[in-house]
Amino acid sequence: MGMECPTCRSTLLMIKQKKGLERLRCLFTGLRQFRCRDCDEKFRAPDRRSQPRDEVPHSVRHVA
């Protein structure tokens, strides 16, 4: 099972690019910011690079 939006349970997610403060926040907390493509909910979840490769969901896309 891949990562889901906590609001609508959609698996169509986008990852916010790590720039500036977001890079530091991810470094210290280990959490990345995601945005649901269906309901536009923003939330933080563990950085997917800390998970084994076979557990990484394929529907996650980067946010520009």
N, C-alpha and C. Protein backbone atom coordinates (compact mmCIF):
# COMPACT_ATOMS: atom_id res chain seq x y z
N MET A 1 0.85 -1.18 0.00
CA MET A 1 0.00 0.00 0.00
C MET A 1 0.89 1.24 0.00
N GLY A 2 0.57 2.22 -0.85
CA GLY A 2 1.35 3.43 -0.95
C GLY A 2 0.87 4.50 0.01
N MET A 3 1.48 5.65 -0.08
CA MET A 3 1.10 6.77 0.77
C MET A 3 -0.24 7.32 0.30
N GLU A 4 -1.06 7.76 1.25
CA GLU A 4 -2.38 8.29 0.95
C GLU A 4 -2.57 9.65 1.59
N CYS A 5 -3.46 10.44 1.00
CA CYS A 5 -3.88 11.71 1.59
C CYS A 5 -4.67 11.39 2.86
N PRO A 6 -4.37 12.06 3.98
CA PRO A 6 -5.11 11.78 5.21
C PRO A 6 -6.57 12.26 5.17
N THR A 7 -6.90 13.13 4.25
CA THR A 7 -8.27 13.66 4.15
C THR A 7 -9.16 12.81 3.27
N CYS A 8 -8.72 12.56 2.00
CA CYS A 8 -9.59 11.88 1.04
C CYS A 8 -9.09 10.49 0.65
N ARG A 9 -7.96 10.07 1.16
CA ARG A 9 -7.37 8.75 0.89
C ARG A 9 -6.91 8.57 -0.55
N SER A 10 -6.75 9.65 -1.29
CA SER A 10 -6.24 9.57 -2.65
C SER A 10 -4.75 9.24 -2.62
N THR A 11 -4.26 8.56 -3.64
CA THR A 11 -2.83 8.27 -3.74
C THR A 11 -2.15 9.16 -4.78
N LEU A 12 -2.89 10.13 -5.34
CA LEU A 12 -2.31 11.07 -6.30
C LEU A 12 -1.73 12.25 -5.54
N LEU A 13 -0.45 12.16 -5.21
CA LEU A 13 0.21 13.16 -4.37
C LEU A 13 1.36 13.82 -5.11
N MET A 14 1.66 15.05 -4.72
CA MET A 14 2.80 15.78 -5.26
C MET A 14 3.70 16.15 -4.09
N ILE A 15 5.01 16.13 -4.31
CA ILE A 15 5.99 16.47 -3.28
C ILE A 15 6.49 17.88 -3.52
N LYS A 16 6.54 18.70 -2.47
CA LYS A 16 7.09 20.04 -2.60
C LYS A 16 8.61 19.95 -2.73
N GLN A 17 9.16 20.72 -3.66
CA GLN A 17 10.61 20.75 -3.84
C GLN A 17 11.27 21.33 -2.59
N LYS A 18 12.40 20.77 -2.22
CA LYS A 18 13.11 21.26 -1.04
C LYS A 18 14.00 22.44 -1.45
N LYS A 19 13.61 23.63 -1.02
CA LYS A 19 14.40 24.84 -1.27
C LYS A 19 14.42 25.64 0.02
N GLY A 20 15.56 26.22 0.34
CA GLY A 20 15.69 27.11 1.49
C GLY A 20 15.26 26.50 2.80
N LEU A 21 14.26 27.13 3.43
CA LEU A 21 13.79 26.71 4.74
C LEU A 21 13.22 25.30 4.72
N GLU A 22 12.56 24.94 3.63
CA GLU A 22 11.98 23.58 3.51
C GLU A 22 13.08 22.51 3.58
N ARG A 23 14.24 22.79 3.01
CA ARG A 23 15.37 21.86 3.05
C ARG A 23 15.83 21.64 4.49
N LEU A 24 15.93 22.74 5.27
CA LEU A 24 16.33 22.63 6.67
C LEU A 24 15.28 21.89 7.50
N ARG A 25 14.01 22.21 7.25
CA ARG A 25 12.92 21.56 7.99
C ARG A 25 12.95 20.05 7.75
N CYS A 26 13.15 19.64 6.52
CA CYS A 26 13.21 18.22 6.19
C CYS A 26 14.43 17.56 6.84
N LEU A 27 15.54 18.27 6.86
CA LEU A 27 16.76 17.73 7.46
C LEU A 27 16.57 17.44 8.95
N PHE A 28 15.93 18.37 9.66
CA PHE A 28 15.76 18.21 11.11
C PHE A 28 14.59 17.32 11.51
N THR A 29 13.50 17.36 10.76
CA THR A 29 12.32 16.59 11.15
C THR A 29 12.17 15.27 10.40
N GLY A 30 12.79 15.16 9.22
CA GLY A 30 12.63 13.96 8.40
C GLY A 30 11.29 13.92 7.69
N LEU A 31 10.55 15.04 7.71
CA LEU A 31 9.23 15.09 7.08
C LEU A 31 9.27 15.97 5.83
N ARG A 32 8.58 15.55 4.79
CA ARG A 32 8.45 16.33 3.55
C ARG A 32 7.02 16.83 3.45
N GLN A 33 6.84 17.92 2.71
CA GLN A 33 5.48 18.44 2.49
C GLN A 33 4.92 17.83 1.21
N PHE A 34 3.70 17.32 1.31
CA PHE A 34 2.99 16.74 0.18
C PHE A 34 1.72 17.53 -0.07
N ARG A 35 1.20 17.47 -1.30
CA ARG A 35 -0.08 18.07 -1.64
C ARG A 35 -0.89 17.06 -2.43
N CYS A 36 -2.14 16.88 -2.03
CA CYS A 36 -3.04 15.96 -2.71
C CYS A 36 -3.53 16.60 -3.99
N ARG A 37 -3.48 15.87 -5.08
CA ARG A 37 -3.95 16.40 -6.37
C ARG A 37 -5.46 16.36 -6.49
N ASP A 38 -6.13 15.60 -5.64
CA ASP A 38 -7.59 15.51 -5.71
C ASP A 38 -8.28 16.57 -4.85
N CYS A 39 -7.88 16.70 -3.58
CA CYS A 39 -8.58 17.62 -2.68
C CYS A 39 -7.74 18.85 -2.31
N ASP A 40 -6.50 18.94 -2.81
CA ASP A 40 -5.60 20.08 -2.59
C ASP A 40 -5.15 20.23 -1.13
N GLU A 41 -5.31 19.18 -0.33
CA GLU A 41 -4.86 19.17 1.07
C GLU A 41 -3.34 19.14 1.12
N LYS A 42 -2.74 19.95 1.99
CA LYS A 42 -1.29 19.93 2.21
C LYS A 42 -1.02 19.25 3.53
N PHE A 43 -0.03 18.38 3.57
CA PHE A 43 0.32 17.67 4.80
C PHE A 43 1.78 17.27 4.76
N ARG A 44 2.30 16.93 5.92
CA ARG A 44 3.69 16.46 6.03
C ARG A 44 3.70 14.98 6.34
N ALA A 45 4.67 14.29 5.76
CA ALA A 45 4.81 12.85 5.96
C ALA A 45 6.30 12.53 5.90
N PRO A 46 6.70 11.36 6.40
CA PRO A 46 8.12 10.99 6.37
C PRO A 46 8.69 11.03 4.96
N ASP A 47 9.93 11.45 4.88
CA ASP A 47 10.64 11.50 3.60
C ASP A 47 10.69 10.10 3.02
N ARG A 48 10.26 9.92 1.79
CA ARG A 48 10.17 8.59 1.19
C ARG A 48 11.54 7.95 0.96
N ARG A 49 12.60 8.74 0.96
CA ARG A 49 13.93 8.16 0.77
C ARG A 49 14.38 7.37 1.99
N SER A 50 13.70 7.56 3.13
CA SER A 50 14.06 6.79 4.33
C SER A 50 13.38 5.43 4.33
N GLN A 51 12.50 5.16 3.34
CA GLN A 51 11.81 3.88 3.22
C GLN A 51 12.53 3.03 2.18
N PRO A 52 12.47 1.70 2.32
CA PRO A 52 13.03 0.84 1.28
C PRO A 52 12.35 1.12 -0.06
N ARG A 53 13.08 0.95 -1.15
CA ARG A 53 12.60 1.31 -2.49
C ARG A 53 11.30 0.60 -2.87
N ASP A 54 11.09 -0.64 -2.46
CA ASP A 54 9.88 -1.36 -2.85
C ASP A 54 8.63 -0.84 -2.14
N GLU A 55 8.78 0.01 -1.10
CA GLU A 55 7.63 0.56 -0.39
C GLU A 55 7.26 1.96 -0.90
N VAL A 56 8.05 2.53 -1.83
CA VAL A 56 7.79 3.88 -2.32
C VAL A 56 6.64 3.83 -3.31
N PRO A 57 5.58 4.64 -3.09
CA PRO A 57 4.44 4.63 -4.02
C PRO A 57 4.83 5.22 -5.37
N HIS A 58 4.28 4.67 -6.45
CA HIS A 58 4.61 5.13 -7.79
C HIS A 58 3.80 6.35 -8.21
N SER A 59 2.74 6.70 -7.48
CA SER A 59 1.87 7.80 -7.88
C SER A 59 2.35 9.15 -7.33
N VAL A 60 3.46 9.20 -6.62
CA VAL A 60 3.95 10.44 -6.04
C VAL A 60 4.71 11.22 -7.11
N ARG A 61 4.37 12.49 -7.30
CA ARG A 61 5.00 13.36 -8.27
C ARG A 61 5.55 14.59 -7.56
N HIS A 62 6.54 15.24 -8.15
CA HIS A 62 7.15 16.42 -7.53
C HIS A 62 6.32 17.66 -7.78
N VAL A 63 6.27 18.55 -6.79
CA VAL A 63 5.60 19.84 -6.91
C VAL A 63 6.64 20.86 -7.35
N ALA A 64 6.33 21.65 -8.32
CA ALA A 64 7.27 22.67 -8.80
C ALA A 64 7.19 23.91 -7.97
